[in-house]
């Protein structure tokens, strides 16, 4: 799970205004954070392995310095407009924060 503090830092870094419910428009509050209905977006779902064909990008070092480190064996990655916590070797999605940037 991505903590509220980390969620706020990520949204702030990407300049996303959150609604009064705590999530950007179109996303709903879930135990794992702000997610689209169904808990995933096309190319990913929490608890499932990310396909090798899905491109991931590292988060900027400045942002990584503002958020908690991921659990041992995991890493933060950006996939499209979403930030994921992925198993380093397994590529299983452990947590996500959707909608960090405008489409």
C-alpha atoms as a PDB file:
ATOM      1  CA  UNK A   1       0.000   0.000   0.000  1.00  0.00           C
ATOM      2  CA  UNK A   2       1.160   3.547  -0.716  1.00  0.00           C
ATOM      3  CA  UNK A   3       0.836   5.723   2.379  1.00  0.00           C
ATOM      4  CA  UNK A   4      -1.191   8.930   2.403  1.00  0.00           C
ATOM      5  CA  UNK A   5       2.004  10.954   2.905  1.00  0.00           C
ATOM      6  CA  UNK A   6       3.636   9.311  -0.116  1.00  0.00           C
ATOM      7  CA  UNK A   7       0.445   9.634  -2.179  1.00  0.00           C
ATOM      8  CA  UNK A   8       0.282  13.355  -1.363  1.00  0.00           C
ATOM      9  CA  UNK A   9       3.968  13.815  -2.278  1.00  0.00           C
ATOM     10  CA  UNK A  10       3.528  12.025  -5.612  1.00  0.00           C
ATOM     11  CA  UNK A  11       0.412  13.976  -6.561  1.00  0.00           C
ATOM     12  CA  UNK A  12       2.076  17.225  -5.501  1.00  0.00           C
ATOM     13  CA  UNK A  13       5.196  16.445  -7.561  1.00  0.00           C
ATOM     14  CA  UNK A  14       3.097  15.836 -10.672  1.00  0.00           C
ATOM     15  CA  UNK A  15       0.851  18.854  -9.963  1.00  0.00           C
ATOM     16  CA  UNK A  16      -2.375  16.896  -9.517  1.00  0.00           C
ATOM     17  CA  UNK A  17      -5.160  18.545  -7.539  1.00  0.00           C
ATOM     18  CA  UNK A  18      -7.064  16.022  -5.459  1.00  0.00           C
ATOM     19  CA  UNK A  19     -10.802  16.258  -4.944  1.00  0.00           C
ATOM     20  CA  UNK A  20     -12.289  16.596  -1.466  1.00  0.00           C
ATOM     21  CA  UNK A  21     -12.555  12.776  -1.388  1.00  0.00           C
ATOM     22  CA  UNK A  22      -8.783  12.538  -1.589  1.00  0.00           C
ATOM     23  CA  UNK A  23      -8.509  11.169  -5.153  1.00  0.00           C
ATOM     24  CA  UNK A  24      -8.277  12.799  -8.579  1.00  0.00           C
ATOM     25  CA  UNK A  25     -11.487  12.859 -10.639  1.00  0.00           C
ATOM     26  CA  UNK A  26     -12.499   9.455 -12.074  1.00  0.00           C
ATOM     27  CA  UNK A  27     -10.706   7.454  -9.389  1.00  0.00           C
ATOM     28  CA  UNK A  28     -12.150   6.058  -6.215  1.00  0.00           C
ATOM     29  CA  UNK A  29     -10.662   5.543  -2.758  1.00  0.00           C
ATOM     30  CA  UNK A  30      -9.569   1.968  -2.113  1.00  0.00           C
ATOM     31  CA  UNK A  31      -7.537   0.270   0.597  1.00  0.00           C
ATOM     32  CA  UNK A  32      -4.601   0.445  -1.835  1.00  0.00           C
ATOM     33  CA  UNK A  33      -5.086   4.132  -2.612  1.00  0.00           C
ATOM     34  CA  UNK A  34      -6.785   5.878  -5.521  1.00  0.00           C
ATOM     35  CA  UNK A  35      -7.639   3.425  -8.258  1.00  0.00           C
ATOM     36  CA  UNK A  36      -9.924   3.176 -11.260  1.00  0.00           C
ATOM     37  CA  UNK A  37     -12.963   0.892 -10.918  1.00  0.00           C
ATOM     38  CA  UNK A  38     -11.814  -2.754 -10.929  1.00  0.00           C
ATOM     39  CA  UNK A  39      -8.440  -2.051  -9.286  1.00  0.00           C
ATOM     40  CA  UNK A  40      -6.363  -1.835 -12.446  1.00  0.00           C
ATOM     41  CA  UNK A  41      -5.880  -0.146 -15.766  1.00  0.00           C
ATOM     42  CA  UNK A  42      -5.696  -2.228 -18.906  1.00  0.00           C
ATOM     43  CA  UNK A  43      -2.001  -3.119 -18.760  1.00  0.00           C
ATOM     44  CA  UNK A  44      -1.865  -3.810 -15.013  1.00  0.00           C
ATOM     45  CA  UNK A  45      -3.861  -5.063 -12.032  1.00  0.00           C
ATOM     46  CA  UNK A  46      -2.895  -5.355  -8.386  1.00  0.00           C
ATOM     47  CA  UNK A  47      -1.766  -8.874  -7.550  1.00  0.00           C
ATOM     48  CA  UNK A  48      -0.970  -9.750 -11.163  1.00  0.00           C
ATOM     49  CA  UNK A  49       2.324  -9.968 -12.994  1.00  0.00           C
ATOM     50  CA  UNK A  50       3.049  -7.067 -15.317  1.00  0.00           C
ATOM     51  CA  UNK A  51       3.569  -8.294 -18.871  1.00  0.00           C
ATOM     52  CA  UNK A  52       7.162  -8.066 -20.124  1.00  0.00           C
ATOM     53  CA  UNK A  53       5.843  -6.007 -23.058  1.00  0.00           C
ATOM     54  CA  UNK A  54       4.681  -3.202 -20.724  1.00  0.00           C
ATOM     55  CA  UNK A  55       7.270  -0.434 -20.553  1.00  0.00           C
ATOM     56  CA  UNK A  56       8.135   0.881 -17.106  1.00  0.00           C
ATOM     57  CA  UNK A  57      10.002   4.046 -16.242  1.00  0.00           C
ATOM     58  CA  UNK A  58      11.834   4.973 -13.037  1.00  0.00           C
ATOM     59  CA  UNK A  59      10.496   7.761 -10.879  1.00  0.00           C
ATOM     60  CA  UNK A  60      12.598  10.936 -10.792  1.00  0.00           C
ATOM     61  CA  UNK A  61      15.325  10.906  -8.138  1.00  0.00           C
ATOM     62  CA  UNK A  62      13.925  14.101  -6.599  1.00  0.00           C
ATOM     63  CA  UNK A  63      10.573  12.384  -6.037  1.00  0.00           C
ATOM     64  CA  UNK A  64      12.179   9.196  -4.718  1.00  0.00           C
ATOM     65  CA  UNK A  65      13.908  11.366  -2.117  1.00  0.00           C
ATOM     66  CA  UNK A  66      10.513  12.642  -0.913  1.00  0.00           C
ATOM     67  CA  UNK A  67       8.723   9.300  -0.488  1.00  0.00           C
ATOM     68  CA  UNK A  68       9.265   6.196   1.619  1.00  0.00           C
ATOM     69  CA  UNK A  69      11.465   3.508   0.119  1.00  0.00           C
ATOM     70  CA  UNK A  70       9.539   0.544  -1.284  1.00  0.00           C
ATOM     71  CA  UNK A  71       9.593  -2.727   0.663  1.00  0.00           C
ATOM     72  CA  UNK A  72      12.690  -4.892   0.207  1.00  0.00           C
ATOM     73  CA  UNK A  73      12.567  -6.663  -3.164  1.00  0.00           C
ATOM     74  CA  UNK A  74      10.225  -4.067  -4.688  1.00  0.00           C
ATOM     75  CA  UNK A  75      10.653  -0.898  -6.708  1.00  0.00           C
ATOM     76  CA  UNK A  76       8.596   2.084  -7.781  1.00  0.00           C
ATOM     77  CA  UNK A  77       7.876   2.323 -11.485  1.00  0.00           C
ATOM     78  CA  UNK A  78       5.793   4.562 -13.675  1.00  0.00           C
ATOM     79  CA  UNK A  79       3.539   2.900 -16.237  1.00  0.00           C
ATOM     80  CA  UNK A  80       1.733   5.448 -18.363  1.00  0.00           C
ATOM     81  CA  UNK A  81      -0.028   7.802 -15.934  1.00  0.00           C
ATOM     82  CA  UNK A  82       0.268   5.461 -12.967  1.00  0.00           C
ATOM     83  CA  UNK A  83       2.868   4.796 -10.264  1.00  0.00           C
ATOM     84  CA  UNK A  84       3.234   1.131  -9.298  1.00  0.00           C
ATOM     85  CA  UNK A  85       5.146  -0.787  -6.668  1.00  0.00           C
ATOM     86  CA  UNK A  86       6.457  -3.853  -8.486  1.00  0.00           C
ATOM     87  CA  UNK A  87       8.268  -6.956  -7.373  1.00  0.00           C
ATOM     88  CA  UNK A  88      11.814  -6.304  -8.603  1.00  0.00           C
ATOM     89  CA  UNK A  89      12.197  -9.700 -10.274  1.00  0.00           C
ATOM     90  CA  UNK A  90       8.617 -10.988 -10.417  1.00  0.00           C
ATOM     91  CA  UNK A  91       7.033  -7.765 -11.772  1.00  0.00           C
ATOM     92  CA  UNK A  92       3.933  -8.514  -9.679  1.00  0.00           C
ATOM     93  CA  UNK A  93       2.013  -5.307  -8.935  1.00  0.00           C
ATOM     94  CA  UNK A  94       1.861  -4.912  -5.146  1.00  0.00           C
ATOM     95  CA  UNK A  95       0.324  -1.419  -4.994  1.00  0.00           C
ATOM     96  CA  UNK A  96      -0.591   1.406  -7.310  1.00  0.00           C
ATOM     97  CA  UNK A  97      -1.427   5.057  -7.512  1.00  0.00           C
ATOM     98  CA  UNK A  98      -3.403   5.815 -10.659  1.00  0.00           C
ATOM     99  CA  UNK A  99      -3.887   9.042 -12.531  1.00  0.00           C
ATOM    100  CA  UNK A 100      -0.718  10.948 -11.663  1.00  0.00           C
ATOM    101  CA  UNK A 101      -0.728  12.906 -14.899  1.00  0.00           C
ATOM    102  CA  UNK A 102      -3.299  14.162 -17.356  1.00  0.00           C
ATOM    103  CA  UNK A 103      -3.955  11.896 -20.339  1.00  0.00           C
END
